């Protein structure tokens, strides 16, 4: 069973190097993100998604300057050491060229060990990392997409003979086809499931936290009440910060949505001033990071059923929030899902950034102000300079259905079960 990680690095760009760095990233984008000669992402087989984003110089909520930065992130198959070694072996010289324009980077010609040390020293752990299509490697997703297409082609070509049989017999005919096709040899073997030891550790951790929560509940309840009253007083006194939004900015964002199935979203916003705000936000993000694997499954981030991976990063010493996600569809529908499906849950996360619609107790209001939310989201959304997806032709729904098709090749089924499996093809 494959587990996943979220690598992130956010570093300051050297003075005067913002434009050369932008030009080099544009060259990667123009040259084809998959096969360009600087960072040939397709050859890095551990990456699900990757992106480079230039975060322009700005001011924080206190009016203090924040310099321009470069953010580089990957969603990858664990272990991290294997991912790093492969990434440096394949694209080390290109990465060296890019990050040499950033502060505190080693001087001189390319050195693989120094690049590895730099990436380890300056890595940034996500406060919240959400996995929507877990337990599947890049290769597994690709292979199961190939399998589904092959079975679809076969059933289309043999529709009459398949329809004339019982569901069990039709299933067996498909299994015989798969087993006899050397290109689908991988499908003869089931994907290993989670071990009992892994399940015990995974659910044991949750049970332990629940027990502690129950034990300390008499203390937690009054503490939460006082905390919420303090937050309410802060919300009442806060002034709404306007969101500066232009049609040119929206047009540039939408014009980059050229993918047929998947898309990406990058957003950057100032964290509202105050240590109480910062402490509350950090607690909520880290609590969500712990609970997400238990509460949000099969690509349903707070009920939104299209998210592959997402992460929240608090950067610049707690002054800014960087949100990055990979999802299906287009940004308009994605943001509408925030409003109609997960308004309260995501308001709890985003209400700590400037310009977010007014809230009460961090869950009321917020995204329910549809116009205000859309204006905030578009104003905070930033250009992703380079974005890569390893399996760009499949949606979250496709990935889960493809696994269902593969799993249906093994064992025995009743007529009813076989009929249901055939409907998934």
Protein backbone atom coordinates (compact mmCIF):
# COMPACT_ATOMS: atom_id res chain seq x y z
CA UNK A 1 0.00 0.00 0.00
CA UNK A 2 1.47 3.34 -1.08
CA UNK A 3 1.47 6.33 1.24
CA UNK A 4 1.92 9.94 0.18
CA UNK A 5 3.85 13.01 1.22
CA UNK A 6 3.78 16.75 0.57
CA UNK A 7 7.16 18.36 -0.02
CA UNK A 8 7.27 22.16 0.17
CA UNK A 9 10.04 24.74 0.00
CA UNK A 10 9.49 28.52 0.11
CA UNK A 11 12.62 30.67 -0.16
CA UNK A 12 13.38 34.34 -0.81
CA UNK A 13 14.41 35.34 -4.33
CA UNK A 14 17.68 37.26 -4.64
CA UNK A 15 17.40 40.96 -5.34
CA UNK A 16 17.12 41.60 -9.08
CA UNK A 17 16.52 37.92 -9.94
CA UNK A 18 12.72 37.88 -9.98
CA UNK A 19 12.46 38.50 -13.75
CA UNK A 20 15.20 36.00 -14.80
CA UNK A 21 13.55 33.40 -12.58
CA UNK A 22 10.14 34.16 -14.10
CA UNK A 23 11.61 33.84 -17.60
CA UNK A 24 13.18 30.47 -16.80
CA UNK A 25 9.93 29.12 -15.37
CA UNK A 26 8.11 30.40 -18.45
CA UNK A 27 10.64 28.51 -20.58
CA UNK A 28 9.76 25.31 -18.70
CA UNK A 29 6.07 25.95 -19.26
CA UNK A 30 6.50 26.82 -22.93
CA UNK A 31 8.78 23.83 -23.54
CA UNK A 32 6.20 21.35 -22.30
CA UNK A 33 6.06 20.70 -18.57
CA UNK A 34 6.32 16.94 -19.02
CA UNK A 35 9.32 16.75 -21.36
CA UNK A 36 11.22 20.04 -21.19
CA UNK A 37 15.01 19.81 -20.87
CA UNK A 38 15.21 21.79 -17.59
CA UNK A 39 12.82 19.87 -15.30
CA UNK A 40 11.46 16.86 -17.27
CA UNK A 41 8.73 16.04 -14.76
CA UNK A 42 7.47 12.96 -16.58
CA UNK A 43 10.75 11.17 -15.85
CA UNK A 44 10.29 11.70 -12.10
CA UNK A 45 7.97 8.75 -11.54
CA UNK A 46 7.26 9.44 -7.84
CA UNK A 47 5.43 12.73 -8.48
CA UNK A 48 1.64 12.97 -8.65
CA UNK A 49 1.52 16.78 -8.85
CA UNK A 50 4.15 19.51 -8.74
CA UNK A 51 4.22 23.28 -9.10
CA UNK A 52 6.44 26.35 -9.05
CA UNK A 53 4.86 29.59 -7.89
CA UNK A 54 6.47 33.02 -7.62
CA UNK A 55 5.08 34.87 -4.63
CA UNK A 56 5.57 38.56 -5.37
CA UNK A 57 6.83 41.09 -2.86
CA UNK A 58 4.02 42.50 -0.71
CA UNK A 59 3.15 43.88 2.71
CA UNK A 60 1.79 41.86 5.63
CA UNK A 61 -1.16 42.74 7.87
CA UNK A 62 1.12 45.03 9.92
CA UNK A 63 2.33 46.94 6.86
CA UNK A 64 5.78 45.34 6.95
CA UNK A 65 7.51 44.35 3.72
CA UNK A 66 7.70 40.71 2.59
CA UNK A 67 10.21 40.04 -0.22
CA UNK A 68 9.51 38.03 -3.37
CA UNK A 69 9.73 34.26 -2.83
CA UNK A 70 9.79 31.06 -4.85
CA UNK A 71 7.56 28.17 -3.76
CA UNK A 72 8.15 24.65 -5.09
CA UNK A 73 5.88 21.79 -4.00
CA UNK A 74 5.32 18.15 -4.89
CA UNK A 75 2.76 15.51 -3.98
CA UNK A 76 4.76 12.30 -4.05
CA UNK A 77 4.86 8.60 -3.20
CA UNK A 78 6.75 7.89 0.01
CA UNK A 79 9.49 7.45 1.08
CA UNK A 80 10.80 11.02 0.85
CA UNK A 81 14.43 9.93 0.48
CA UNK A 82 13.60 7.92 -2.65
CA UNK A 83 11.61 10.84 -4.06
CA UNK A 84 14.46 13.30 -3.43
CA UNK A 85 17.13 11.03 -4.90
CA UNK A 86 15.13 10.46 -8.06
CA UNK A 87 14.22 14.13 -8.43
CA UNK A 88 17.86 15.22 -8.09
CA UNK A 89 19.11 12.43 -10.39
CA UNK A 90 16.65 13.39 -13.13
CA UNK A 91 16.37 17.17 -12.74
CA UNK A 92 19.17 18.20 -10.38
CA UNK A 93 20.91 20.58 -12.78
CA UNK A 94 17.66 22.32 -13.66
CA UNK A 95 16.70 22.66 -9.99
CA UNK A 96 20.19 24.01 -9.25
CA UNK A 97 19.76 26.60 -11.99
CA UNK A 98 16.39 27.73 -10.60
CA UNK A 99 17.29 27.87 -6.93
CA UNK A 100 20.64 29.56 -7.57
CA UNK A 101 18.49 32.67 -8.04
CA UNK A 102 17.30 32.34 -4.43
CA UNK A 103 18.93 33.46 -1.19
CA UNK A 104 21.23 31.24 0.87
CA UNK A 105 21.74 28.81 -2.01
CA UNK A 106 25.20 27.17 -2.36
CA UNK A 107 27.61 28.83 -4.74
CA UNK A 108 29.44 27.15 -7.61
CA UNK A 109 28.65 24.37 -10.11
CA UNK A 110 25.99 21.72 -9.62
CA UNK A 111 26.54 19.45 -6.62
CA UNK A 112 23.92 16.76 -5.96
CA UNK A 113 24.67 16.32 -2.26
CA UNK A 114 24.60 20.08 -1.61
CA UNK A 115 21.28 20.38 -3.44
CA UNK A 116 19.84 17.54 -1.39
CA UNK A 117 21.03 19.18 1.84
CA UNK A 118 19.51 22.52 0.77
CA UNK A 119 16.14 20.91 0.04
CA UNK A 120 16.17 19.18 3.41
CA UNK A 121 17.26 22.25 5.37
CA UNK A 122 14.69 24.58 3.81
CA UNK A 123 11.74 22.19 3.52
CA UNK A 124 8.48 23.40 5.05
CA UNK A 125 6.01 21.00 6.63
CA UNK A 126 2.38 21.68 5.67
CA UNK A 127 0.14 22.62 8.57
CA UNK A 128 -2.62 20.64 6.84
CA UNK A 129 -2.10 18.03 4.12
CA UNK A 130 -5.16 16.41 2.55
CA UNK A 131 -5.00 13.30 0.36
CA UNK A 132 -8.10 12.62 -1.72
CA UNK A 133 -6.87 9.61 -3.67
CA UNK A 134 -4.77 7.82 -1.10
CA UNK A 135 -3.01 4.45 -1.13
CA UNK A 136 -2.34 4.54 -4.88
CA UNK A 137 1.04 5.11 -6.48
CA UNK A 138 1.53 7.16 -9.63
CA UNK A 139 2.11 3.91 -11.49
CA UNK A 140 -0.99 2.21 -10.11
CA UNK A 141 -3.24 5.09 -11.16
CA UNK A 142 -1.72 5.02 -14.65
CA UNK A 143 -1.97 1.25 -15.00
CA UNK A 144 -5.57 1.11 -13.83
CA UNK A 145 -6.49 3.81 -16.34
CA UNK A 146 -4.90 1.69 -19.08
CA UNK A 147 -6.77 -1.37 -17.79
CA UNK A 148 -10.12 0.37 -17.83
CA UNK A 149 -9.61 1.65 -21.39
CA UNK A 150 -8.56 -1.82 -22.59
CA UNK A 151 -11.61 -3.48 -20.99
CA UNK A 152 -13.89 -0.79 -22.41
CA UNK A 153 -12.49 -1.38 -25.91
CA UNK A 154 -12.87 -5.15 -25.52
CA UNK A 155 -16.48 -4.97 -24.30
CA UNK A 156 -17.38 -2.56 -27.11
CA UNK A 157 -15.97 -5.00 -29.67
CA UNK A 158 -17.68 -8.01 -28.06
CA UNK A 159 -20.88 -6.38 -26.90
CA UNK A 160 -23.23 -8.95 -28.44
CA UNK A 161 -21.57 -12.04 -26.96
CA UNK A 162 -21.23 -10.40 -23.55
CA UNK A 163 -24.89 -9.36 -23.42
CA UNK A 164 -26.05 -12.87 -24.31
CA UNK A 165 -24.44 -14.37 -21.20
CA UNK A 166 -25.13 -14.23 -17.50
CA UNK A 167 -23.28 -11.54 -15.57
CA UNK A 168 -21.00 -14.15 -13.99
CA UNK A 169 -20.09 -15.63 -17.39
CA UNK A 170 -19.56 -12.18 -18.92
CA UNK A 171 -17.25 -11.25 -16.06
CA UNK A 172 -15.26 -14.45 -16.58
CA UNK A 173 -14.92 -13.67 -20.29
CA UNK A 174 -13.45 -10.26 -19.40
CA UNK A 175 -11.11 -11.86 -16.84
CA UNK A 176 -9.90 -14.35 -19.45
CA UNK A 177 -9.23 -11.48 -21.86
CA UNK A 178 -7.21 -9.55 -19.25
CA UNK A 179 -5.21 -12.63 -18.22
CA UNK A 180 -4.42 -13.39 -21.85
CA UNK A 181 -3.25 -9.86 -22.71
CA UNK A 182 0.50 -9.45 -22.02
CA UNK A 183 0.11 -5.66 -21.90
CA UNK A 184 -2.17 -6.09 -18.85
CA UNK A 185 0.04 -8.54 -16.97
CA UNK A 186 0.13 -6.17 -13.98
CA UNK A 187 -3.63 -6.73 -13.46
CA UNK A 188 -3.19 -10.43 -12.72
CA UNK A 189 -1.99 -9.53 -9.23
CA UNK A 190 -4.15 -7.64 -6.68
CA UNK A 191 -2.73 -4.47 -5.15
CA UNK A 192 -1.63 -5.25 -1.57
CA UNK A 193 -4.10 -3.98 1.02
CA UNK A 194 -3.16 -2.31 4.29
CA UNK A 195 -1.69 -4.72 6.81
CA UNK A 196 -3.48 -5.46 10.09
CA UNK A 197 -0.57 -3.81 11.90
CA UNK A 198 -1.01 -0.63 9.86
CA UNK A 199 -4.78 -0.60 10.46
CA UNK A 200 -4.24 -1.13 14.19
CA UNK A 201 -1.80 1.79 14.38
CA UNK A 202 -4.01 4.03 12.21
CA UNK A 203 -7.23 3.53 14.15
CA UNK A 204 -5.46 3.07 17.50
CA UNK A 205 -4.17 6.64 17.26
CA UNK A 206 -7.70 7.95 16.73
CA UNK A 207 -9.11 5.88 19.59
CA UNK A 208 -6.36 7.17 21.89
CA UNK A 209 -7.18 10.79 21.06
CA UNK A 210 -10.93 10.18 21.58
CA UNK A 211 -10.25 8.66 25.00
CA UNK A 212 -8.11 11.64 26.01
CA UNK A 213 -10.78 14.02 24.73
CA UNK A 214 -13.46 12.32 26.86
CA UNK A 215 -11.22 12.31 29.94
CA UNK A 216 -10.48 16.02 29.68
CA UNK A 217 -13.96 17.05 28.47
CA UNK A 218 -14.87 18.78 31.79
CA UNK A 219 -11.86 21.06 31.27
CA UNK A 220 -12.25 21.42 27.51
CA UNK A 221 -15.87 22.65 27.55
CA UNK A 222 -15.36 25.80 29.69
CA UNK A 223 -12.04 26.48 27.93
CA UNK A 224 -13.73 26.38 24.51
CA UNK A 225 -16.56 28.63 25.70
CA UNK A 226 -14.10 31.27 26.94
CA UNK A 227 -12.02 30.90 23.76
CA UNK A 228 -15.05 31.39 21.52
CA UNK A 229 -16.18 34.46 23.47
CA UNK A 230 -12.76 36.03 23.03
CA UNK A 231 -12.84 35.20 19.31
CA UNK A 232 -16.33 36.68 18.97
CA UNK A 233 -15.19 39.93 20.56
CA UNK A 234 -12.26 40.06 18.13
CA UNK A 235 -14.57 39.41 15.15
CA UNK A 236 -16.94 42.19 16.22
CA UNK A 237 -14.11 44.73 16.53
CA UNK A 238 -12.28 43.77 13.32
CA UNK A 239 -12.54 46.06 10.31
CA UNK A 240 -13.17 44.49 6.93
CA UNK A 241 -10.17 44.78 4.60
CA UNK A 242 -11.18 45.37 0.95
CA UNK A 243 -10.15 42.93 -1.76
CA UNK A 244 -8.47 44.52 -4.75
CA UNK A 245 -9.61 42.68 -7.86
CA UNK A 246 -9.30 43.53 -11.55
CA UNK A 247 -10.81 41.96 -14.65
CA UNK A 248 -7.31 41.50 -16.08
CA UNK A 249 -6.34 39.37 -13.06
CA UNK A 250 -9.42 37.17 -13.42
CA UNK A 251 -8.85 36.84 -17.17
CA UNK A 252 -5.24 35.79 -16.68
CA UNK A 253 -6.26 33.16 -14.10
CA UNK A 254 -9.04 31.69 -16.22
CA UNK A 255 -6.94 31.66 -19.39
CA UNK A 256 -4.53 29.26 -17.69
CA UNK A 257 -7.28 26.70 -17.10
CA UNK A 258 -6.49 24.74 -20.24
CA UNK A 259 -6.68 21.18 -18.90
CA UNK A 260 -9.62 19.00 -19.90
CA UNK A 261 -10.06 17.13 -16.60
CA UNK A 262 -7.91 18.54 -13.80
CA UNK A 263 -6.96 22.01 -12.64
CA UNK A 264 -4.92 23.68 -9.91
CA UNK A 265 -5.56 26.47 -7.43
CA UNK A 266 -2.95 28.58 -5.66
CA UNK A 267 -3.92 31.31 -3.20
CA UNK A 268 -1.95 33.57 -0.88
CA UNK A 269 -3.31 35.84 1.83
CA UNK A 270 -2.18 37.78 4.87
CA UNK A 271 -2.99 36.26 8.25
CA UNK A 272 -5.01 38.72 10.34
CA UNK A 273 -2.96 40.44 13.07
CA UNK A 274 -2.85 39.19 16.63
CA UNK A 275 -1.29 36.26 18.46
CA UNK A 276 -4.73 34.95 19.45
CA UNK A 277 -5.74 34.72 15.79
CA UNK A 278 -2.49 33.00 14.87
CA UNK A 279 -2.76 30.46 17.72
CA UNK A 280 -6.38 29.68 16.83
CA UNK A 281 -5.58 29.21 13.15
CA UNK A 282 -2.60 26.96 13.84
CA UNK A 283 -4.64 24.79 16.21
CA UNK A 284 -7.47 24.40 13.68
CA UNK A 285 -5.11 23.60 10.80
CA UNK A 286 -3.18 20.99 12.75
CA UNK A 287 -6.36 19.45 14.13
CA UNK A 288 -7.69 19.20 10.58
CA UNK A 289 -4.42 17.63 9.47
CA UNK A 290 -4.90 14.90 12.09
CA UNK A 291 -8.61 14.32 11.47
CA UNK A 292 -8.68 14.58 7.65
CA UNK A 293 -7.68 10.93 6.97
CA UNK A 294 -10.56 9.77 9.18
CA UNK A 295 -13.27 12.29 8.24
CA UNK A 296 -12.65 13.09 4.58
CA UNK A 297 -12.24 10.14 2.22
CA UNK A 298 -12.40 9.38 -1.50
CA UNK A 299 -11.63 12.89 -2.66
CA UNK A 300 -14.33 14.53 -0.55
CA UNK A 301 -12.61 17.40 1.20
CA UNK A 302 -15.40 18.60 3.52
CA UNK A 303 -17.84 17.04 1.06
CA UNK A 304 -16.28 18.52 -2.10
CA UNK A 305 -15.85 15.36 -4.23
CA UNK A 306 -13.19 16.52 -6.68
CA UNK A 307 -9.99 17.12 -4.70
CA UNK A 308 -6.88 15.01 -5.38
CA UNK A 309 -4.48 16.74 -2.97
CA UNK A 310 -4.56 19.99 -0.98
CA UNK A 311 -2.32 21.69 1.55
CA UNK A 312 -2.26 24.73 3.80
CA UNK A 313 1.13 26.32 4.54
CA UNK A 314 1.70 29.11 7.07
CA UNK A 315 4.78 30.97 5.84
CA UNK A 316 6.83 34.09 6.58
CA UNK A 317 6.87 33.48 10.34
CA UNK A 318 3.10 33.16 10.57
CA UNK A 319 2.28 36.23 8.50
CA UNK A 320 0.79 34.57 5.43
CA UNK A 321 -1.29 31.53 4.47
CA UNK A 322 -0.52 29.70 1.22
CA UNK A 323 -3.23 27.30 0.00
CA UNK A 324 -2.55 24.89 -2.87
CA UNK A 325 -4.90 22.30 -4.32
CA UNK A 326 -5.27 19.96 -7.30
CA UNK A 327 -8.84 19.21 -8.31
CA UNK A 328 -11.20 18.23 -11.13
CA UNK A 329 -13.16 20.68 -13.26
CA UNK A 330 -12.76 24.44 -13.42
CA UNK A 331 -12.19 27.07 -10.76
CA UNK A 332 -15.68 28.57 -11.04
CA UNK A 333 -17.39 25.29 -10.11
CA UNK A 334 -14.68 24.53 -7.53
CA UNK A 335 -15.30 27.80 -5.71
CA UNK A 336 -19.07 27.34 -5.94
CA UNK A 337 -18.62 23.99 -4.20
CA UNK A 338 -16.93 25.87 -1.36
CA UNK A 339 -20.07 27.97 -1.00
CA UNK A 340 -22.76 25.32 -1.43
CA UNK A 341 -21.13 22.22 0.08
CA UNK A 342 -18.47 23.19 2.61
CA UNK A 343 -19.09 26.80 3.61
CA UNK A 344 -18.79 26.35 7.38
CA UNK A 345 -15.91 23.87 7.37
CA UNK A 346 -13.72 25.93 5.04
CA UNK A 347 -14.73 29.22 6.64
CA UNK A 348 -13.24 27.81 9.84
CA UNK A 349 -9.92 27.52 7.99
CA UNK A 350 -9.88 30.66 5.84
CA UNK A 351 -11.57 33.23 8.10
CA UNK A 352 -8.17 34.05 9.62
CA UNK A 353 -6.98 35.75 6.43
CA UNK A 354 -7.53 39.40 5.57
CA UNK A 355 -10.40 40.24 3.25
CA UNK A 356 -12.43 37.13 4.05
CA UNK A 357 -16.16 37.91 4.46
CA UNK A 358 -17.21 38.75 8.03
CA UNK A 359 -17.76 35.78 10.34
CA UNK A 360 -19.24 35.08 13.74
CA UNK A 361 -17.68 32.33 15.88
CA UNK A 362 -15.59 31.42 12.81
CA UNK A 363 -18.33 29.36 11.12
CA UNK A 364 -21.32 31.67 10.63
CA UNK A 365 -21.26 34.05 7.69
CA UNK A 366 -18.04 33.81 5.71
CA UNK A 367 -18.55 31.75 2.55
CA UNK A 368 -22.32 32.11 2.90
CA UNK A 369 -21.73 35.62 1.53
CA UNK A 370 -21.32 34.20 -1.96
CA UNK A 371 -20.37 37.45 -3.68
CA UNK A 372 -17.90 38.43 -0.95
CA UNK A 373 -16.37 34.96 -0.91
CA UNK A 374 -15.88 34.84 -4.69
CA UNK A 375 -14.28 38.28 -4.64
CA UNK A 376 -11.94 37.24 -1.81
CA UNK A 377 -11.03 33.94 -3.52
CA UNK A 378 -10.22 35.55 -6.86
CA UNK A 379 -8.29 38.40 -5.22
CA UNK A 380 -6.13 35.95 -3.25
CA UNK A 381 -5.68 33.47 -6.12
CA UNK A 382 -2.26 33.79 -7.70
CA UNK A 383 -0.68 32.63 -10.93
CA UNK A 384 0.91 29.18 -10.85
CA UNK A 385 3.96 29.54 -13.08
CA UNK A 386 4.52 25.82 -13.66
CA UNK A 387 2.08 23.00 -12.90
CA UNK A 388 2.51 19.29 -13.56
CA UNK A 389 0.08 16.37 -13.23
CA UNK A 390 1.30 12.81 -13.79
CA UNK A 391 -2.15 11.42 -14.62
CA UNK A 392 -3.98 14.39 -16.05
CA UNK A 393 -6.66 12.37 -17.87
CA UNK A 394 -8.33 10.91 -14.77
CA UNK A 395 -10.68 12.49 -12.24
CA UNK A 396 -11.04 11.47 -8.60
CA UNK A 397 -14.19 9.58 -9.57
CA UNK A 398 -12.31 7.81 -12.40
CA UNK A 399 -9.50 6.75 -10.08
CA UNK A 400 -11.81 5.10 -7.58
CA UNK A 401 -13.91 3.48 -10.30
CA UNK A 402 -10.79 2.18 -12.06
CA UNK A 403 -9.66 0.53 -8.81
CA UNK A 404 -13.13 -1.00 -8.43
CA UNK A 405 -12.84 -2.49 -11.92
CA UNK A 406 -9.43 -3.95 -11.16
CA UNK A 407 -10.51 -5.38 -7.80
CA UNK A 408 -13.45 -7.03 -9.55
CA UNK A 409 -11.06 -9.27 -11.47
CA UNK A 410 -10.22 -11.33 -8.40
CA UNK A 411 -12.19 -13.87 -6.39
CA UNK A 412 -15.75 -15.04 -6.98
CA UNK A 413 -18.98 -13.07 -7.33
CA UNK A 414 -22.68 -13.77 -7.22
CA UNK A 415 -24.83 -12.88 -10.21
CA UNK A 416 -25.91 -9.66 -8.47
CA UNK A 417 -22.35 -8.69 -7.59
CA UNK A 418 -21.09 -9.45 -11.11
CA UNK A 419 -23.93 -7.41 -12.62
CA UNK A 420 -23.04 -4.41 -10.43
CA UNK A 421 -19.36 -4.74 -11.36
CA UNK A 422 -20.20 -4.81 -15.08
CA UNK A 423 -22.10 -1.55 -14.69
CA UNK A 424 -18.89 0.12 -13.49
CA UNK A 425 -17.16 -0.63 -16.81
